[in-house]
């Protein structure tokens, strides 16, 4: 288990606040919000695979949105903060706060995983890796 001091040393201040303290980055500010490249999204804390780019869509909510997480990649917790009931999503591998999931997605899954950009890294798929 990684100590709090190691998380502080290895993450940006914003990533630490979001991932380890459960904060939320400001809407429409995340570096991955408008990313449309093919590839995979990973936990910024432990590099666990979270989402495939084929599941990303523009929900207009201000954060990167996905309609499906990689199987077993996230765990779900009831969040009653801010006077509402939501479902928080955390990395299954390191317990990092990622965002929330809602049952109002426009695709056939009906899910909208609303994820903080700062909680993820992106690994672009190059065409050569298809062979």
C-alpha atoms as a PDB file:
ATOM      1  CA  UNK A   1       0.000   0.000   0.000  1.00  0.00           C
ATOM      2  CA  UNK A   2       1.394   3.376  -0.994  1.00  0.00           C
ATOM      3  CA  UNK A   3       1.797   5.940   1.777  1.00  0.00           C
ATOM      4  CA  UNK A   4       0.177   9.347   1.663  1.00  0.00           C
ATOM      5  CA  UNK A   5       3.610  10.995   1.387  1.00  0.00           C
ATOM      6  CA  UNK A   6       4.476   8.856  -1.651  1.00  0.00           C
ATOM      7  CA  UNK A   7       1.170   9.798  -3.338  1.00  0.00           C
ATOM      8  CA  UNK A   8       1.890  13.488  -2.696  1.00  0.00           C
ATOM      9  CA  UNK A   9       5.384  13.115  -4.162  1.00  0.00           C
ATOM     10  CA  UNK A  10       4.305  11.180  -7.255  1.00  0.00           C
ATOM     11  CA  UNK A  11       1.124  13.074  -8.248  1.00  0.00           C
ATOM     12  CA  UNK A  12       0.458  16.666  -9.226  1.00  0.00           C
ATOM     13  CA  UNK A  13      -1.293  18.688  -6.538  1.00  0.00           C
ATOM     14  CA  UNK A  14      -4.582  18.531  -8.450  1.00  0.00           C
ATOM     15  CA  UNK A  15      -4.285  14.790  -9.113  1.00  0.00           C
ATOM     16  CA  UNK A  16      -3.573  14.196  -5.434  1.00  0.00           C
ATOM     17  CA  UNK A  17      -6.647  16.197  -4.385  1.00  0.00           C
ATOM     18  CA  UNK A  18      -8.902  14.403  -6.880  1.00  0.00           C
ATOM     19  CA  UNK A  19      -7.563  10.860  -6.647  1.00  0.00           C
ATOM     20  CA  UNK A  20      -6.634  10.588  -2.996  1.00  0.00           C
ATOM     21  CA  UNK A  21      -9.006  13.121  -1.362  1.00  0.00           C
ATOM     22  CA  UNK A  22     -12.052  12.721  -3.627  1.00  0.00           C
ATOM     23  CA  UNK A  23     -12.171  16.254  -5.006  1.00  0.00           C
ATOM     24  CA  UNK A  24     -13.440  17.092  -8.517  1.00  0.00           C
ATOM     25  CA  UNK A  25     -11.586  19.025 -11.195  1.00  0.00           C
ATOM     26  CA  UNK A  26     -13.378  22.044 -12.629  1.00  0.00           C
ATOM     27  CA  UNK A  27     -15.679  21.167 -15.538  1.00  0.00           C
ATOM     28  CA  UNK A  28     -14.415  21.763 -19.101  1.00  0.00           C
ATOM     29  CA  UNK A  29     -10.795  22.070 -17.925  1.00  0.00           C
ATOM     30  CA  UNK A  30      -9.489  18.515 -18.229  1.00  0.00           C
ATOM     31  CA  UNK A  31      -6.791  17.694 -20.758  1.00  0.00           C
ATOM     32  CA  UNK A  32      -8.579  14.500 -21.882  1.00  0.00           C
ATOM     33  CA  UNK A  33     -12.055  15.989 -22.324  1.00  0.00           C
ATOM     34  CA  UNK A  34     -11.732  16.509 -26.083  1.00  0.00           C
ATOM     35  CA  UNK A  35      -9.341  13.644 -26.779  1.00  0.00           C
ATOM     36  CA  UNK A  36     -10.674  11.648 -29.754  1.00  0.00           C
ATOM     37  CA  UNK A  37      -7.637   9.460 -30.424  1.00  0.00           C
ATOM     38  CA  UNK A  38      -7.773   5.672 -30.342  1.00  0.00           C
ATOM     39  CA  UNK A  39      -6.190   4.057 -27.320  1.00  0.00           C
ATOM     40  CA  UNK A  40      -6.724   3.265 -23.673  1.00  0.00           C
ATOM     41  CA  UNK A  41      -7.241   5.238 -20.478  1.00  0.00           C
ATOM     42  CA  UNK A  42      -5.341   4.211 -17.359  1.00  0.00           C
ATOM     43  CA  UNK A  43      -5.358   5.161 -13.679  1.00  0.00           C
ATOM     44  CA  UNK A  44      -2.854   7.979 -13.083  1.00  0.00           C
ATOM     45  CA  UNK A  45      -1.950   6.459  -9.712  1.00  0.00           C
ATOM     46  CA  UNK A  46      -1.264   2.818 -10.591  1.00  0.00           C
ATOM     47  CA  UNK A  47      -1.547   2.588 -14.410  1.00  0.00           C
ATOM     48  CA  UNK A  48      -4.417   0.059 -14.250  1.00  0.00           C
ATOM     49  CA  UNK A  49      -6.467  -0.116 -17.460  1.00  0.00           C
ATOM     50  CA  UNK A  50      -9.822   1.623 -16.935  1.00  0.00           C
ATOM     51  CA  UNK A  51     -11.477   2.474 -20.269  1.00  0.00           C
ATOM     52  CA  UNK A  52     -11.061   1.881 -23.993  1.00  0.00           C
ATOM     53  CA  UNK A  53     -11.423   4.874 -26.305  1.00  0.00           C
ATOM     54  CA  UNK A  54     -14.193   3.060 -28.203  1.00  0.00           C
ATOM     55  CA  UNK A  55     -16.442   3.590 -25.159  1.00  0.00           C
ATOM     56  CA  UNK A  56     -15.821   7.368 -24.901  1.00  0.00           C
ATOM     57  CA  UNK A  57     -18.480   9.847 -25.987  1.00  0.00           C
ATOM     58  CA  UNK A  58     -19.230  13.552 -25.593  1.00  0.00           C
ATOM     59  CA  UNK A  59     -21.966  13.889 -23.004  1.00  0.00           C
ATOM     60  CA  UNK A  60     -21.638  17.662 -22.667  1.00  0.00           C
ATOM     61  CA  UNK A  61     -21.170  17.325 -18.883  1.00  0.00           C
ATOM     62  CA  UNK A  62     -17.683  18.885 -18.787  1.00  0.00           C
ATOM     63  CA  UNK A  63     -15.710  15.720 -18.008  1.00  0.00           C
ATOM     64  CA  UNK A  64     -14.617  12.798 -20.180  1.00  0.00           C
ATOM     65  CA  UNK A  65     -17.526  10.349 -20.440  1.00  0.00           C
ATOM     66  CA  UNK A  66     -17.553   6.637 -21.161  1.00  0.00           C
ATOM     67  CA  UNK A  67     -20.409   4.169 -21.464  1.00  0.00           C
ATOM     68  CA  UNK A  68     -18.497   1.119 -20.269  1.00  0.00           C
ATOM     69  CA  UNK A  69     -15.542   0.463 -17.968  1.00  0.00           C
ATOM     70  CA  UNK A  70     -13.104  -2.379 -18.511  1.00  0.00           C
ATOM     71  CA  UNK A  71     -14.486  -5.379 -16.641  1.00  0.00           C
ATOM     72  CA  UNK A  72     -13.312  -5.366 -13.027  1.00  0.00           C
ATOM     73  CA  UNK A  73     -11.474  -2.041 -13.395  1.00  0.00           C
ATOM     74  CA  UNK A  74     -13.682   0.047 -11.133  1.00  0.00           C
ATOM     75  CA  UNK A  75     -15.533  -0.439  -7.899  1.00  0.00           C
ATOM     76  CA  UNK A  76     -18.763   1.313  -7.025  1.00  0.00           C
ATOM     77  CA  UNK A  77     -19.613   3.172  -3.820  1.00  0.00           C
ATOM     78  CA  UNK A  78     -22.722   5.060  -2.755  1.00  0.00           C
ATOM     79  CA  UNK A  79     -21.912   8.771  -2.427  1.00  0.00           C
ATOM     80  CA  UNK A  80     -24.360  10.898  -0.438  1.00  0.00           C
ATOM     81  CA  UNK A  81     -22.306  14.111  -0.529  1.00  0.00           C
ATOM     82  CA  UNK A  82     -23.598  17.474  -1.784  1.00  0.00           C
ATOM     83  CA  UNK A  83     -27.196  16.664  -0.845  1.00  0.00           C
ATOM     84  CA  UNK A  84     -27.662  13.950  -3.474  1.00  0.00           C
ATOM     85  CA  UNK A  85     -27.182  10.231  -3.928  1.00  0.00           C
ATOM     86  CA  UNK A  86     -24.699   9.247  -6.626  1.00  0.00           C
ATOM     87  CA  UNK A  87     -22.508   6.277  -7.442  1.00  0.00           C
ATOM     88  CA  UNK A  88     -18.816   7.027  -7.009  1.00  0.00           C
ATOM     89  CA  UNK A  89     -16.312   5.074  -9.087  1.00  0.00           C
ATOM     90  CA  UNK A  90     -12.856   4.155  -7.785  1.00  0.00           C
ATOM     91  CA  UNK A  91      -9.951   2.258  -9.303  1.00  0.00           C
ATOM     92  CA  UNK A  92     -10.236  -1.368  -8.212  1.00  0.00           C
ATOM     93  CA  UNK A  93      -6.454  -1.702  -8.040  1.00  0.00           C
ATOM     94  CA  UNK A  94      -5.475   1.310  -5.889  1.00  0.00           C
ATOM     95  CA  UNK A  95      -8.769   2.805  -4.653  1.00  0.00           C
ATOM     96  CA  UNK A  96      -8.188   6.095  -6.468  1.00  0.00           C
ATOM     97  CA  UNK A  97     -11.263   8.330  -6.859  1.00  0.00           C
ATOM     98  CA  UNK A  98     -12.108   8.585 -10.568  1.00  0.00           C
ATOM     99  CA  UNK A  99     -15.528  10.236 -10.698  1.00  0.00           C
ATOM    100  CA  UNK A 100     -19.136   9.033 -10.797  1.00  0.00           C
ATOM    101  CA  UNK A 101     -21.368   6.864 -12.956  1.00  0.00           C
ATOM    102  CA  UNK A 102     -24.945   7.766 -13.858  1.00  0.00           C
ATOM    103  CA  UNK A 103     -27.803   5.785 -15.409  1.00  0.00           C
ATOM    104  CA  UNK A 104     -28.571   8.429 -18.045  1.00  0.00           C
ATOM    105  CA  UNK A 105     -26.146   7.519 -20.833  1.00  0.00           C
ATOM    106  CA  UNK A 106     -27.368   7.833 -24.432  1.00  0.00           C
ATOM    107  CA  UNK A 107     -25.915   4.522 -25.640  1.00  0.00           C
ATOM    108  CA  UNK A 108     -27.296   1.015 -25.297  1.00  0.00           C
ATOM    109  CA  UNK A 109     -25.457   0.501 -21.975  1.00  0.00           C
ATOM    110  CA  UNK A 110     -27.425   3.381 -20.447  1.00  0.00           C
ATOM    111  CA  UNK A 111     -24.325   4.320 -18.440  1.00  0.00           C
ATOM    112  CA  UNK A 112     -22.401   7.594 -18.287  1.00  0.00           C
ATOM    113  CA  UNK A 113     -19.082   7.260 -16.485  1.00  0.00           C
ATOM    114  CA  UNK A 114     -18.157  10.880 -15.765  1.00  0.00           C
ATOM    115  CA  UNK A 115     -14.412  10.815 -15.055  1.00  0.00           C
ATOM    116  CA  UNK A 116     -11.905  13.456 -13.970  1.00  0.00           C
ATOM    117  CA  UNK A 117      -9.225  13.872 -16.654  1.00  0.00           C
ATOM    118  CA  UNK A 118      -6.563  14.320 -14.004  1.00  0.00           C
ATOM    119  CA  UNK A 119      -7.298  10.833 -12.627  1.00  0.00           C
ATOM    120  CA  UNK A 120      -6.260   9.193 -15.919  1.00  0.00           C
ATOM    121  CA  UNK A 121      -3.453   8.915 -18.417  1.00  0.00           C
ATOM    122  CA  UNK A 122      -3.965   8.067 -22.077  1.00  0.00           C
ATOM    123  CA  UNK A 123      -2.004   5.543 -24.131  1.00  0.00           C
ATOM    124  CA  UNK A 124      -2.501   6.156 -27.825  1.00  0.00           C
ATOM    125  CA  UNK A 125      -2.905   3.140 -30.079  1.00  0.00           C
ATOM    126  CA  UNK A 126      -0.675   3.402 -33.085  1.00  0.00           C
ATOM    127  CA  UNK A 127      -1.615   1.578 -36.292  1.00  0.00           C
ATOM    128  CA  UNK A 128       1.440  -0.667 -36.063  1.00  0.00           C
ATOM    129  CA  UNK A 129       0.125  -2.289 -32.855  1.00  0.00           C
ATOM    130  CA  UNK A 130      -2.781  -3.854 -34.765  1.00  0.00           C
ATOM    131  CA  UNK A 131      -0.646  -6.473 -36.463  1.00  0.00           C
END
